[in-house]
N, C-alpha and C. Protein backbone atom coordinates (compact mmCIF):
# COMPACT_ATOMS: atom_id res chain seq x y z
N MET A 1 0.85 -1.00 0.02
CA MET A 1 -0.32 0.03 -0.10
C MET A 1 1.20 1.58 0.02
N CYS A 2 2.18 0.87 1.05
CA CYS A 2 2.83 2.05 1.20
C CYS A 2 3.23 3.07 -0.68
N ILE A 3 3.65 1.75 -1.31
CA ILE A 3 4.10 2.04 -2.57
C ILE A 3 3.32 2.57 -3.61
N ASP A 4 2.19 1.63 -3.35
CA ASP A 4 0.61 2.15 -4.35
C ASP A 4 0.36 4.06 -4.05
N ALA A 5 0.69 4.27 -2.37
CA ALA A 5 0.12 5.57 -1.92
C ALA A 5 1.46 6.63 -2.43
N THR A 6 2.80 5.87 -3.27
CA THR A 6 3.79 6.98 -3.43
C THR A 6 3.59 7.77 -5.26
N ARG A 7 3.89 9.09 -4.41
CA ARG A 7 3.41 10.27 -6.03
C ARG A 7 4.63 9.45 -6.90
N ARG A 8 4.46 9.96 -8.12
CA ARG A 8 5.76 9.38 -8.94
C ARG A 8 6.51 9.87 -8.74
N ARG A 9 8.45 9.24 -8.84
CA ARG A 9 8.95 9.91 -8.49
C ARG A 9 9.48 10.56 -7.23
N GLY A 10 8.74 9.44 -6.19
CA GLY A 10 8.45 9.05 -4.28
C GLY A 10 9.85 8.89 -4.20
N GLN A 11 9.82 8.38 -3.16
CA GLN A 11 10.74 7.74 -2.86
C GLN A 11 9.61 6.40 -1.25
N VAL A 12 10.00 5.34 -1.56
CA VAL A 12 9.36 5.06 -0.03
C VAL A 12 10.81 4.32 1.07
N ALA A 13 10.91 4.12 1.77
CA ALA A 13 11.62 3.24 3.08
C ALA A 13 10.74 2.39 3.34
N PHE A 14 11.51 1.19 3.64
CA PHE A 14 11.15 0.03 4.43
C PHE A 14 12.57 -0.17 5.42
N VAL A 15 12.00 0.13 6.69
CA VAL A 15 12.59 -0.35 7.68
C VAL A 15 12.35 -0.86 8.66
N GLY A 16 13.37 -2.03 8.74
CA GLY A 16 12.80 -3.35 9.43
C GLY A 16 12.13 -4.64 8.69
N GLU A 17 10.88 -5.12 9.15
CA GLU A 17 11.29 -6.18 8.60
C GLU A 17 9.68 -6.29 7.83
N CYS A 18 9.90 -7.22 6.88
CA CYS A 18 8.23 -7.72 6.00
C CYS A 18 8.06 -8.88 5.39
N GLY A 19 7.16 -9.55 5.63
CA GLY A 19 6.49 -10.33 5.64
C GLY A 19 6.59 -10.95 3.87
N GLU A 20 7.01 -12.55 3.45
CA GLU A 20 6.80 -12.87 2.44
C GLU A 20 6.06 -12.65 1.59
N ASP A 21 4.76 -12.14 2.22
CA ASP A 21 3.55 -11.46 1.92
C ASP A 21 3.50 -10.56 1.43
N THR A 22 4.54 -9.96 1.39
CA THR A 22 4.83 -8.11 0.77
C THR A 22 5.08 -8.57 -0.85
N PRO A 23 3.61 -8.02 -1.96
CA PRO A 23 3.89 -8.29 -3.13
C PRO A 23 5.15 -6.99 -3.57
N LEU A 24 5.90 -6.73 -4.10
CA LEU A 24 6.86 -6.06 -4.88
C LEU A 24 7.10 -6.40 -6.56
N ARG A 25 6.42 -5.76 -7.23
CA ARG A 25 6.50 -5.86 -8.78
C ARG A 25 7.50 -4.90 -8.86
N VAL A 26 8.52 -5.25 -9.57
CA VAL A 26 9.60 -4.15 -9.91
C VAL A 26 8.88 -3.12 -11.19
N SER A 27 8.67 -4.11 -12.36
CA SER A 27 8.15 -3.17 -13.45
C SER A 27 6.97 -1.96 -12.83
N PRO A 28 5.93 -2.72 -12.71
CA PRO A 28 4.99 -1.90 -12.55
C PRO A 28 4.97 -0.62 -11.18
N ASP A 29 5.57 -1.18 -10.48
CA ASP A 29 5.66 -0.21 -9.17
C ASP A 29 6.36 0.57 -8.79
N LEU A 30 7.73 -0.11 -9.21
CA LEU A 30 8.91 1.01 -8.79
C LEU A 30 9.94 1.58 -10.11
N ILE A 31 9.78 1.08 -11.55
CA ILE A 31 10.81 1.55 -12.47
C ILE A 31 9.76 2.23 -13.52
N ARG A 32 8.19 1.83 -13.83
CA ARG A 32 7.31 2.52 -14.72
C ARG A 32 6.49 3.91 -13.53
N LYS A 33 6.91 3.92 -12.15
CA LYS A 33 6.47 5.31 -11.26
C LYS A 33 7.90 6.05 -10.84
N GLY A 34 9.25 5.58 -11.74
CA GLY A 34 10.68 6.19 -11.03
C GLY A 34 10.24 6.17 -9.14
N LEU A 35 10.28 5.69 -8.84
CA LEU A 35 10.00 5.37 -7.26
C LEU A 35 11.67 5.35 -6.71
N THR A 36 12.31 5.91 -5.73
CA THR A 36 13.65 5.31 -5.22
C THR A 36 13.24 4.28 -4.17
N LEU A 37 13.90 3.64 -3.39
CA LEU A 37 13.57 2.46 -3.03
C LEU A 37 14.43 2.52 -1.73
N ILE A 38 14.18 2.95 -0.47
CA ILE A 38 15.28 2.41 0.44
C ILE A 38 14.77 1.41 1.65
N GLY A 39 15.89 0.28 1.69
CA GLY A 39 15.57 -0.10 2.98
C GLY A 39 16.56 0.02 3.69
N SER A 40 16.58 -0.71 5.15
CA SER A 40 17.39 -0.53 6.35
C SER A 40 16.50 -1.61 7.22
N TRP A 41 17.82 -2.26 7.89
CA TRP A 41 17.39 -2.95 8.82
C TRP A 41 16.90 -2.26 10.40
N HIS A 42 17.53 -0.81 10.49
CA HIS A 42 17.03 -0.41 11.75
C HIS A 42 17.72 1.18 11.08
N TYR A 43 17.44 2.12 12.22
CA TYR A 43 18.27 3.45 12.04
C TYR A 43 19.91 3.86 13.07
N ASN A 44 20.38 4.62 12.49
CA ASN A 44 21.45 4.81 13.20
C ASN A 44 21.15 5.34 14.76
N LEU A 45 21.49 4.43 15.99
CA LEU A 45 21.79 4.84 17.09
C LEU A 45 22.17 5.98 17.17
N GLY A 46 23.57 6.73 16.32
CA GLY A 46 24.39 7.31 16.60
C GLY A 46 24.33 8.66 16.66
N TYR A 47 22.88 8.75 15.27
CA TYR A 47 21.88 10.05 15.68
C TYR A 47 20.93 10.16 16.49
N MET A 48 20.68 9.23 17.62
CA MET A 48 19.43 9.63 18.62
C MET A 48 19.98 11.13 19.11
N ARG A 49 20.73 11.07 19.61
CA ARG A 49 21.21 12.23 20.68
C ARG A 49 20.35 13.74 19.95
N GLY A 50 21.35 13.67 18.88
CA GLY A 50 20.88 14.89 17.99
C GLY A 50 19.63 15.07 17.57
N ILE A 51 19.04 13.70 17.31
CA ILE A 51 17.57 14.07 16.99
C ILE A 51 16.81 14.66 17.78
N TRP A 52 16.94 13.86 19.02
CA TRP A 52 16.50 14.39 20.47
C TRP A 52 16.15 15.57 20.32
N GLN A 53 17.40 16.19 20.68
CA GLN A 53 17.92 18.08 20.65
C GLN A 53 17.19 18.74 19.75
N VAL A 54 16.93 18.85 18.42
CA VAL A 54 16.20 18.91 17.80
C VAL A 54 14.63 18.79 18.11
N VAL A 55 14.00 17.73 18.14
CA VAL A 55 12.68 17.31 18.89
C VAL A 55 12.57 18.37 20.11
N GLN A 56 13.99 18.49 20.84
CA GLN A 56 13.24 19.06 22.02
C GLN A 56 13.05 20.20 22.21
N ALA A 57 14.21 21.02 21.18
CA ALA A 57 14.48 22.51 21.21
C ALA A 57 13.33 23.57 20.35
N ASN A 58 12.77 22.18 19.30
CA ASN A 58 11.47 22.69 18.61
C ASN A 58 10.37 21.52 19.04
N GLY A 59 10.43 21.51 19.64
CA GLY A 59 8.56 20.75 20.14
C GLY A 59 7.05 21.61 19.96
N ALA A 60 7.82 22.55 20.42
CA ALA A 60 6.25 23.32 20.44
C ALA A 60 6.16 23.81 18.69
N ALA A 61 6.97 23.98 18.14
CA ALA A 61 7.11 24.24 16.23
C ALA A 61 6.10 22.93 15.66
N LEU A 62 6.61 21.79 16.28
CA LEU A 62 7.14 20.61 15.86
C LEU A 62 5.12 20.31 15.71
N ASP A 63 4.28 20.73 16.93
CA ASP A 63 3.53 20.44 17.35
C ASP A 63 2.36 21.18 16.94
N ARG A 64 3.01 22.40 15.92
CA ARG A 64 2.04 23.05 15.21
C ARG A 64 1.71 22.99 13.63
N LEU A 65 2.40 21.78 13.56
CA LEU A 65 1.92 20.96 12.25
C LEU A 65 1.31 19.91 12.01
N ILE A 66 0.76 19.37 13.36
CA ILE A 66 -0.14 18.31 13.22
C ILE A 66 -1.45 19.30 13.90
N SER A 67 -2.25 19.09 12.89
CA SER A 67 -4.18 19.43 13.36
C SER A 67 -4.90 18.65 13.26
N HIS A 68 -4.50 17.80 13.39
CA HIS A 68 -5.82 16.53 13.89
C HIS A 68 -5.15 15.71 14.54
N ARG A 69 -5.35 14.97 15.27
CA ARG A 69 -4.94 13.69 16.45
C ARG A 69 -6.49 12.53 16.34
N TYR A 70 -6.09 11.58 16.04
CA TYR A 70 -7.44 10.08 15.75
C TYR A 70 -6.94 8.86 16.56
N PRO A 71 -7.97 8.31 17.01
CA PRO A 71 -7.41 7.31 17.44
C PRO A 71 -7.74 5.95 16.15
N MET A 72 -6.87 5.09 16.48
CA MET A 72 -6.90 3.98 15.76
C MET A 72 -8.30 3.65 15.20
N ALA A 73 -9.16 3.72 16.17
CA ALA A 73 -10.96 3.25 16.14
C ALA A 73 -11.04 4.00 14.76
N ARG A 74 -10.92 5.08 14.67
CA ARG A 74 -11.54 5.90 13.94
C ARG A 74 -10.08 6.62 12.75
N VAL A 75 -9.61 5.17 12.17
CA VAL A 75 -8.48 5.50 11.05
C VAL A 75 -9.18 5.87 9.56
N GLN A 76 -10.29 5.49 9.29
CA GLN A 76 -10.93 5.52 8.44
C GLN A 76 -11.38 6.97 7.97
N GLU A 77 -11.50 7.67 8.39
CA GLU A 77 -12.01 9.20 9.17
C GLU A 77 -10.46 9.90 9.28
N ALA A 78 -10.07 9.37 9.65
CA ALA A 78 -8.20 10.19 9.47
C ALA A 78 -7.94 10.28 8.06
N PHE A 79 -8.33 8.99 7.46
CA PHE A 79 -7.34 8.77 6.34
C PHE A 79 -8.33 9.62 5.10
N GLU A 80 -9.82 9.08 5.28
CA GLU A 80 -10.75 10.36 4.56
C GLU A 80 -10.23 12.17 4.78
N LEU A 81 -10.17 12.48 6.05
CA LEU A 81 -9.50 13.85 6.02
C LEU A 81 -7.69 14.15 5.72
N GLN A 82 -7.16 13.44 5.33
CA GLN A 82 -5.90 13.65 4.90
C GLN A 82 -6.48 13.60 3.62
N THR A 83 -6.59 12.75 2.90
CA THR A 83 -6.84 13.29 1.20
C THR A 83 -7.55 14.52 0.89
N THR A 84 -8.12 14.71 2.02
CA THR A 84 -8.98 16.17 1.15
C THR A 84 -8.18 17.24 1.29
N GLY A 85 -6.41 17.07 1.84
CA GLY A 85 -5.87 18.40 1.99
C GLY A 85 -6.27 19.68 2.72
N ALA A 86 -7.60 19.39 3.37
CA ALA A 86 -7.76 20.54 3.93
C ALA A 86 -7.40 19.97 5.60
N CYS A 87 -6.29 19.76 5.53
CA CYS A 87 -5.53 19.75 7.13
C CYS A 87 -3.95 19.96 7.11
N ALA A 88 -3.69 19.76 8.02
CA ALA A 88 -1.89 19.22 8.23
C ALA A 88 -1.54 18.30 8.58
N LYS A 89 -1.27 18.06 9.50
CA LYS A 89 -0.45 16.45 9.51
C LYS A 89 -1.42 15.82 10.42
N VAL A 90 -1.56 15.03 10.16
CA VAL A 90 -3.23 13.83 10.66
C VAL A 90 -2.39 12.65 11.55
N VAL A 91 -2.21 12.90 12.85
CA VAL A 91 -1.46 11.30 13.89
C VAL A 91 -2.80 10.51 13.93
N LEU A 92 -2.51 9.00 14.03
CA LEU A 92 -2.88 8.13 14.62
C LEU A 92 -2.33 7.50 15.97
N ASP A 93 -2.96 7.55 16.76
CA ASP A 93 -2.67 7.56 18.06
C ASP A 93 -2.63 5.57 18.46
N PRO A 94 -1.58 4.77 17.56
CA PRO A 94 -2.45 3.45 18.44
C PRO A 94 -2.81 3.05 19.49
N TRP A 95 -2.74 4.06 20.55
CA TRP A 95 -3.05 4.05 22.29
C TRP A 95 -4.34 4.71 22.45
N GLY A 96 -4.92 5.23 21.60
CA GLY A 96 -6.03 6.19 21.78
C GLY A 96 -7.50 5.70 21.91
């Protein structure tokens, strides 16, 4: 679904594991859309201190980018809102 949702000439990153049932058709999914596919087993832990410093210093500014928060039970509603473009970042709370 991630590859299907990515715009032409966009980038997709797979981080961690995916199952054998993850379909990937190289020609129609990647080549014809001109996608860049990045795979990574994990992120670089050496960058974490710097990342957290940026988040802590700019936390209030980052919060302004989020316009809506939804619990997972309302994922369809959140997705529909995001597709309208009448919002900023829509966040799903998996524990909400």
